[in-house]
Structures are given as structure tokens and as C-alpha cells.
Amino acid sequence: HDRVGEDVFVRQPVGTGPYKFAGYAFG
């Protein structure tokens, strides 16, 4: 969050789970 800022943080989530975010297109 400190590195990328709030806008990128909420659009490109990262976590510790077994899957990582790979993309999103509305609808």
C-alpha cells in the first residue's frame, strides 16, 4: 500500500492466498 498508493491498491489486490490477482474486466 505504501509503495503503490490507495488507487492501485484497491484495483490490483495482493494477498497471501493460494491464488493471485491476474486481471479484471467489468461485466
PDB file of all heavy atoms in Angstrom:
ATOM      1  N   HIS A   1       0.828  -1.205   0.000  1.00  0.00           N
ATOM      2  CA  HIS A   1       0.000   0.000   0.000  1.00  0.00           C
ATOM      3  C   HIS A   1       0.863   1.255   0.000  1.00  0.00           C
ATOM      4  O   HIS A   1       0.614   2.210  -0.761  1.00  0.00           O
ATOM      5  CB  HIS A   1      -0.917  -0.003   1.220  1.00  0.00           C
ATOM      6  CG  HIS A   1      -1.845   1.166   1.298  1.00  0.00           C
ATOM      7  ND1 HIS A   1      -1.485   2.358   1.873  1.00  0.00           N
ATOM      8  CD2 HIS A   1      -3.120   1.330   0.851  1.00  0.00           C
ATOM      9  CE1 HIS A   1      -2.487   3.208   1.795  1.00  0.00           C
ATOM     10  NE2 HIS A   1      -3.495   2.605   1.182  1.00  0.00           N
ATOM     11  N   ASP A   2       1.899   1.275   0.830  1.00  0.00           N
ATOM     12  CA  ASP A   2       2.773   2.446   0.893  1.00  0.00           C
ATOM     13  C   ASP A   2       3.508   2.676  -0.430  1.00  0.00           C
ATOM     14  O   ASP A   2       3.760   3.817  -0.825  1.00  0.00           O
ATOM     15  CB  ASP A   2       3.792   2.284   2.016  1.00  0.00           C
ATOM     16  CG  ASP A   2       3.164   2.339   3.403  1.00  0.00           C
ATOM     17  OD1 ASP A   2       1.983   2.743   3.507  1.00  0.00           O
ATOM     18  OD2 ASP A   2       3.854   1.972   4.379  1.00  0.00           O
ATOM     19  N   ARG A   3       3.816   1.596  -1.117  1.00  0.00           N
ATOM     20  CA  ARG A   3       4.582   1.688  -2.367  1.00  0.00           C
ATOM     21  C   ARG A   3       3.730   2.124  -3.554  1.00  0.00           C
ATOM     22  O   ARG A   3       4.162   2.937  -4.370  1.00  0.00           O
ATOM     23  CB  ARG A   3       5.239   0.334  -2.651  1.00  0.00           C
ATOM     24  CG  ARG A   3       6.193   0.326  -3.813  1.00  0.00           C
ATOM     25  CD  ARG A   3       7.062  -0.925  -3.815  1.00  0.00           C
ATOM     26  NE  ARG A   3       6.297  -2.156  -3.915  1.00  0.00           N
ATOM     27  CZ  ARG A   3       6.185  -3.051  -2.937  1.00  0.00           C
ATOM     28  NH1 ARG A   3       6.756  -2.846  -1.767  1.00  0.00           N
ATOM     29  NH2 ARG A   3       5.490  -4.158  -3.126  1.00  0.00           N
ATOM     30  N   VAL A   4       2.499   1.585  -3.668  1.00  0.00           N
ATOM     31  CA  VAL A   4       1.709   1.829  -4.873  1.00  0.00           C
ATOM     32  C   VAL A   4       0.619   2.874  -4.688  1.00  0.00           C
ATOM     33  O   VAL A   4       0.090   3.402  -5.667  1.00  0.00           O
ATOM     34  CB  VAL A   4       1.089   0.523  -5.407  1.00  0.00           C
ATOM     35  CG1 VAL A   4       2.160  -0.512  -5.675  1.00  0.00           C
ATOM     36  CG2 VAL A   4       0.023  -0.018  -4.453  1.00  0.00           C
ATOM     37  N   GLY A   5       0.218   3.166  -3.446  1.00  0.00           N
ATOM     38  CA  GLY A   5      -0.847   4.131  -3.201  1.00  0.00           C
ATOM     39  C   GLY A   5      -2.226   3.492  -3.208  1.00  0.00           C
ATOM     40  O   GLY A   5      -2.422   2.362  -3.674  1.00  0.00           O
ATOM     41  N   GLU A   6      -3.193   4.239  -2.698  1.00  0.00           N
ATOM     42  CA  GLU A   6      -4.549   3.714  -2.499  1.00  0.00           C
ATOM     43  C   GLU A   6      -5.219   3.286  -3.799  1.00  0.00           C
ATOM     44  O   GLU A   6      -5.877   2.242  -3.859  1.00  0.00           O
ATOM     45  CB  GLU A   6      -5.395   4.760  -1.780  1.00  0.00           C
ATOM     46  CG  GLU A   6      -6.846   4.367  -1.527  1.00  0.00           C
ATOM     47  CD  GLU A   6      -7.011   3.362  -0.398  1.00  0.00           C
ATOM     48  OE1 GLU A   6      -6.015   3.050   0.282  1.00  0.00           O
ATOM     49  OE2 GLU A   6      -8.145   2.891  -0.201  1.00  0.00           O
ATOM     50  N   ASP A   7      -5.076   4.062  -4.861  1.00  0.00           N
ATOM     51  CA  ASP A   7      -5.795   3.767  -6.106  1.00  0.00           C
ATOM     52  C   ASP A   7      -5.377   2.429  -6.694  1.00  0.00           C
ATOM     53  O   ASP A   7      -6.225   1.596  -7.037  1.00  0.00           O
ATOM     54  CB  ASP A   7      -5.572   4.891  -7.117  1.00  0.00           C
ATOM     55  CG  ASP A   7      -6.378   4.681  -8.390  1.00  0.00           C
ATOM     56  OD1 ASP A   7      -7.618   4.586  -8.293  1.00  0.00           O
ATOM     57  OD2 ASP A   7      -5.781   4.609  -9.475  1.00  0.00           O
ATOM     58  N   VAL A   8      -4.080   2.192  -6.814  1.00  0.00           N
ATOM     59  CA  VAL A   8      -3.600   0.915  -7.342  1.00  0.00           C
ATOM     60  C   VAL A   8      -3.906  -0.208  -6.357  1.00  0.00           C
ATOM     61  O   VAL A   8      -4.281  -1.319  -6.755  1.00  0.00           O
ATOM     62  CB  VAL A   8      -2.089   0.982  -7.639  1.00  0.00           C
ATOM     63  CG1 VAL A   8      -1.540  -0.400  -8.018  1.00  0.00           C
ATOM     64  CG2 VAL A   8      -1.818   1.977  -8.759  1.00  0.00           C
ATOM     65  N   PHE A   9      -3.778   0.075  -5.079  1.00  0.00           N
ATOM     66  CA  PHE A   9      -4.000  -0.933  -4.039  1.00  0.00           C
ATOM     67  C   PHE A   9      -5.383  -1.551  -4.140  1.00  0.00           C
ATOM     68  O   PHE A   9      -5.539  -2.769  -4.002  1.00  0.00           O
ATOM     69  CB  PHE A   9      -3.804  -0.275  -2.679  1.00  0.00           C
ATOM     70  CG  PHE A   9      -3.850  -1.209  -1.508  1.00  0.00           C
ATOM     71  CD1 PHE A   9      -2.738  -1.960  -1.151  1.00  0.00           C
ATOM     72  CD2 PHE A   9      -5.003  -1.338  -0.737  1.00  0.00           C
ATOM     73  CE1 PHE A   9      -2.768  -2.819  -0.056  1.00  0.00           C
ATOM     74  CE2 PHE A   9      -5.040  -2.185   0.355  1.00  0.00           C
ATOM     75  CZ  PHE A   9      -3.922  -2.929   0.693  1.00  0.00           C
ATOM     76  N   VAL A  10      -6.409  -0.752  -4.379  1.00  0.00           N
ATOM     77  CA  VAL A  10      -7.777  -1.280  -4.428  1.00  0.00           C
ATOM     78  C   VAL A  10      -8.117  -1.863  -5.793  1.00  0.00           C
ATOM     79  O   VAL A  10      -9.098  -2.601  -5.920  1.00  0.00           O
ATOM     80  CB  VAL A  10      -8.816  -0.201  -4.039  1.00  0.00           C
ATOM     81  CG1 VAL A  10      -8.553   0.295  -2.636  1.00  0.00           C
ATOM     82  CG2 VAL A  10      -8.823   0.960  -5.022  1.00  0.00           C
ATOM     83  N   ARG A  11      -7.336  -1.557  -6.831  1.00  0.00           N
ATOM     84  CA  ARG A  11      -7.607  -2.093  -8.173  1.00  0.00           C
ATOM     85  C   ARG A  11      -6.774  -3.322  -8.504  1.00  0.00           C
ATOM     86  O   ARG A  11      -7.149  -4.107  -9.382  1.00  0.00           O
ATOM     87  CB  ARG A  11      -7.361  -1.015  -9.234  1.00  0.00           C
ATOM     88  CG  ARG A  11      -8.383   0.108  -9.236  1.00  0.00           C
ATOM     89  CD  ARG A  11      -8.217   1.056 -10.417  1.00  0.00           C
ATOM     90  NE  ARG A  11      -6.959   1.795 -10.374  1.00  0.00           N
ATOM     91  CZ  ARG A  11      -5.908   1.551 -11.145  1.00  0.00           C
ATOM     92  NH1 ARG A  11      -5.934   0.562 -12.025  1.00  0.00           N
ATOM     93  NH2 ARG A  11      -4.808   2.274 -11.038  1.00  0.00           N
ATOM     94  N   GLN A  12      -5.648  -3.495  -7.812  1.00  0.00           N
ATOM     95  CA  GLN A  12      -4.762  -4.629  -8.074  1.00  0.00           C
ATOM     96  C   GLN A  12      -4.394  -5.287  -6.737  1.00  0.00           C
ATOM     97  O   GLN A  12      -3.298  -5.106  -6.213  1.00  0.00           O
ATOM     98  CB  GLN A  12      -3.507  -4.166  -8.821  1.00  0.00           C
ATOM     99  CG  GLN A  12      -3.796  -3.560 -10.174  1.00  0.00           C
ATOM    100  CD  GLN A  12      -2.543  -3.043 -10.871  1.00  0.00           C
ATOM    101  OE1 GLN A  12      -1.432  -3.406 -10.529  1.00  0.00           O
ATOM    102  NE2 GLN A  12      -2.732  -2.189 -11.855  1.00  0.00           N
ATOM    103  N   PRO A  13      -5.327  -6.036  -6.167  1.00  0.00           N
ATOM    104  CA  PRO A  13      -5.126  -6.584  -4.824  1.00  0.00           C
ATOM    105  C   PRO A  13      -4.023  -7.634  -4.782  1.00  0.00           C
ATOM    106  O   PRO A  13      -3.823  -8.388  -5.737  1.00  0.00           O
ATOM    107  CB  PRO A  13      -6.489  -7.197  -4.486  1.00  0.00           C
ATOM    108  CG  PRO A  13      -7.076  -7.541  -5.832  1.00  0.00           C
ATOM    109  CD  PRO A  13      -6.621  -6.452  -6.750  1.00  0.00           C
ATOM    110  N   VAL A  14      -3.312  -7.661  -3.662  1.00  0.00           N
ATOM    111  CA  VAL A  14      -2.378  -8.749  -3.381  1.00  0.00           C
ATOM    112  C   VAL A  14      -2.702  -9.296  -2.001  1.00  0.00           C
ATOM    113  O   VAL A  14      -3.237  -8.598  -1.144  1.00  0.00           O
ATOM    114  CB  VAL A  14      -0.900  -8.307  -3.443  1.00  0.00           C
ATOM    115  CG1 VAL A  14      -0.554  -7.693  -4.791  1.00  0.00           C
ATOM    116  CG2 VAL A  14      -0.564  -7.347  -2.319  1.00  0.00           C
ATOM    117  N   GLY A  15      -2.396 -10.549  -1.812  1.00  0.00           N
ATOM    118  CA  GLY A  15      -2.640 -11.171  -0.520  1.00  0.00           C
ATOM    119  C   GLY A  15      -1.654 -12.287  -0.300  1.00  0.00           C
ATOM    120  O   GLY A  15      -0.581 -12.334  -0.918  1.00  0.00           O
ATOM    121  N   THR A  16      -2.036 -13.232   0.555  1.00  0.00           N
ATOM    122  CA  THR A  16      -1.207 -14.387   0.869  1.00  0.00           C
ATOM    123  C   THR A  16      -1.875 -15.694   0.449  1.00  0.00           C
ATOM    124  O   THR A  16      -1.368 -16.768   0.744  1.00  0.00           O
ATOM    125  CB  THR A  16      -0.932 -14.444   2.388  1.00  0.00           C
ATOM    126  OG1 THR A  16      -2.191 -14.461   3.080  1.00  0.00           O
ATOM    127  CG2 THR A  16      -0.113 -13.242   2.852  1.00  0.00           C
ATOM    128  N   GLY A  17      -3.003 -15.601  -0.224  1.00  0.00           N
ATOM    129  CA  GLY A  17      -3.800 -16.779  -0.547  1.00  0.00           C
ATOM    130  C   GLY A  17      -3.226 -17.636  -1.653  1.00  0.00           C
ATOM    131  O   GLY A  17      -2.212 -17.298  -2.271  1.00  0.00           O
ATOM    132  N   PRO A  18      -3.882 -18.763  -1.956  1.00  0.00           N
ATOM    133  CA  PRO A  18      -3.379 -19.711  -2.952  1.00  0.00           C
ATOM    134  C   PRO A  18      -3.545 -19.237  -4.388  1.00  0.00           C
ATOM    135  O   PRO A  18      -3.033 -19.881  -5.305  1.00  0.00           O
ATOM    136  CB  PRO A  18      -4.211 -20.963  -2.698  1.00  0.00           C
ATOM    137  CG  PRO A  18      -5.484 -20.446  -2.116  1.00  0.00           C
ATOM    138  CD  PRO A  18      -5.094 -19.260  -1.275  1.00  0.00           C
ATOM    139  N   TYR A  19      -4.248 -18.135  -4.602  1.00  0.00           N
ATOM    140  CA  TYR A  19      -4.394 -17.548  -5.935  1.00  0.00           C
ATOM    141  C   TYR A  19      -3.988 -16.084  -5.889  1.00  0.00           C
ATOM    142  O   TYR A  19      -4.185 -15.404  -4.884  1.00  0.00           O
ATOM    143  CB  TYR A  19      -5.843 -17.650  -6.435  1.00  0.00           C
ATOM    144  CG  TYR A  19      -6.250 -19.059  -6.783  1.00  0.00           C
ATOM    145  CD1 TYR A  19      -6.666 -19.940  -5.792  1.00  0.00           C
ATOM    146  CD2 TYR A  19      -6.192 -19.520  -8.096  1.00  0.00           C
ATOM    147  CE1 TYR A  19      -7.008 -21.250  -6.097  1.00  0.00           C
ATOM    148  CE2 TYR A  19      -6.545 -20.824  -8.411  1.00  0.00           C
ATOM    149  CZ  TYR A  19      -6.950 -21.684  -7.408  1.00  0.00           C
ATOM    150  OH  TYR A  19      -7.293 -22.982  -7.714  1.00  0.00           O
ATOM    151  N   LYS A  20      -3.403 -15.612  -6.984  1.00  0.00           N
ATOM    152  CA  LYS A  20      -3.084 -14.196  -7.089  1.00  0.00           C
ATOM    153  C   LYS A  20      -3.943 -13.554  -8.178  1.00  0.00           C
ATOM    154  O   LYS A  20      -4.404 -14.215  -9.114  1.00  0.00           O
ATOM    155  CB  LYS A  20      -1.602 -13.978  -7.383  1.00  0.00           C
ATOM    156  CG  LYS A  20      -1.117 -14.503  -8.711  1.00  0.00           C
ATOM    157  CD  LYS A  20       0.382 -14.232  -8.874  1.00  0.00           C
ATOM    158  CE  LYS A  20       0.890 -14.766 -10.202  1.00  0.00           C
ATOM    159  NZ  LYS A  20       2.348 -14.486 -10.367  1.00  0.00           N
ATOM    160  N   PHE A  21      -4.170 -12.260  -8.016  1.00  0.00           N
ATOM    161  CA  PHE A  21      -4.972 -11.494  -8.960  1.00  0.00           C
ATOM    162  C   PHE A  21      -4.276 -11.460 -10.314  1.00  0.00           C
ATOM    163  O   PHE A  21      -3.085 -11.186 -10.410  1.00  0.00           O
ATOM    164  CB  PHE A  21      -5.143 -10.074  -8.425  1.00  0.00           C
ATOM    165  CG  PHE A  21      -5.869  -9.134  -9.352  1.00  0.00           C
ATOM    166  CD1 PHE A  21      -7.242  -9.211  -9.499  1.00  0.00           C
ATOM    167  CD2 PHE A  21      -5.173  -8.160 -10.057  1.00  0.00           C
ATOM    168  CE1 PHE A  21      -7.911  -8.345 -10.343  1.00  0.00           C
ATOM    169  CE2 PHE A  21      -5.839  -7.289 -10.898  1.00  0.00           C
ATOM    170  CZ  PHE A  21      -7.214  -7.380 -11.041  1.00  0.00           C
ATOM    171  N   ALA A  22      -5.049 -11.743 -11.388  1.00  0.00           N
ATOM    172  CA  ALA A  22      -4.475 -11.774 -12.734  1.00  0.00           C
ATOM    173  C   ALA A  22      -5.185 -10.853 -13.716  1.00  0.00           C
ATOM    174  O   ALA A  22      -4.736 -10.723 -14.855  1.00  0.00           O
ATOM    175  CB  ALA A  22      -4.496 -13.205 -13.274  1.00  0.00           C
ATOM    176  N   GLY A  23      -6.277 -10.202 -13.310  1.00  0.00           N
ATOM    177  CA  GLY A  23      -6.950  -9.279 -14.216  1.00  0.00           C
ATOM    178  C   GLY A  23      -8.439  -9.199 -13.957  1.00  0.00           C
ATOM    179  O   GLY A  23      -9.034 -10.115 -13.385  1.00  0.00           O
ATOM    180  N   TYR A  24      -9.022  -8.082 -14.374  1.00  0.00           N
ATOM    181  CA  TYR A  24     -10.450  -7.871 -14.179  1.00  0.00           C
ATOM    182  C   TYR A  24     -10.978  -6.966 -15.282  1.00  0.00           C
ATOM    183  O   TYR A  24     -10.372  -5.942 -15.617  1.00  0.00           O
ATOM    184  CB  TYR A  24     -10.701  -7.221 -12.816  1.00  0.00           C
ATOM    185  CG  TYR A  24     -12.132  -6.780 -12.567  1.00  0.00           C
ATOM    186  CD1 TYR A  24     -13.172  -7.693 -12.568  1.00  0.00           C
ATOM    187  CD2 TYR A  24     -12.431  -5.439 -12.325  1.00  0.00           C
ATOM    188  CE1 TYR A  24     -14.483  -7.299 -12.329  1.00  0.00           C
ATOM    189  CE2 TYR A  24     -13.732  -5.028 -12.087  1.00  0.00           C
ATOM    190  CZ  TYR A  24     -14.759  -5.962 -12.087  1.00  0.00           C
ATOM    191  OH  TYR A  24     -16.053  -5.553 -11.862  1.00  0.00           O
ATOM    192  N   ALA A  25     -12.101  -7.352 -15.879  1.00  0.00           N
ATOM    193  CA  ALA A  25     -12.816  -6.523 -16.840  1.00  0.00           C
ATOM    194  C   ALA A  25     -14.269  -6.474 -16.404  1.00  0.00           C
ATOM    195  O   ALA A  25     -14.926  -7.518 -16.300  1.00  0.00           O
ATOM    196  CB  ALA A  25     -12.700  -7.081 -18.253  1.00  0.00           C
ATOM    197  N   PHE A  26     -14.779  -5.281 -16.154  1.00  0.00           N
ATOM    198  CA  PHE A  26     -16.125  -5.108 -15.621  1.00  0.00           C
ATOM    199  C   PHE A  26     -17.149  -5.819 -16.502  1.00  0.00           C
ATOM    200  O   PHE A  26     -17.161  -5.655 -17.726  1.00  0.00           O
ATOM    201  CB  PHE A  26     -16.460  -3.622 -15.530  1.00  0.00           C
ATOM    202  CG  PHE A  26     -17.825  -3.339 -14.956  1.00  0.00           C
ATOM    203  CD1 PHE A  26     -18.023  -3.314 -13.586  1.00  0.00           C
ATOM    204  CD2 PHE A  26     -18.912  -3.116 -15.798  1.00  0.00           C
ATOM    205  CE1 PHE A  26     -19.280  -3.061 -13.055  1.00  0.00           C
ATOM    206  CE2 PHE A  26     -20.165  -2.866 -15.279  1.00  0.00           C
ATOM    207  CZ  PHE A  26     -20.353  -2.840 -13.910  1.00  0.00           C
ATOM    208  N   GLY A  27     -18.002  -6.622 -15.878  1.00  0.00           N
ATOM    209  CA  GLY A  27     -19.059  -7.316 -16.589  1.00  0.00           C
ATOM    210  C   GLY A  27     -18.591  -8.488 -17.420  1.00  0.00           C
ATOM    211  O   GLY A  27     -19.410  -9.112 -18.111  1.00  0.00           O
TER     212      GLY A  27
END
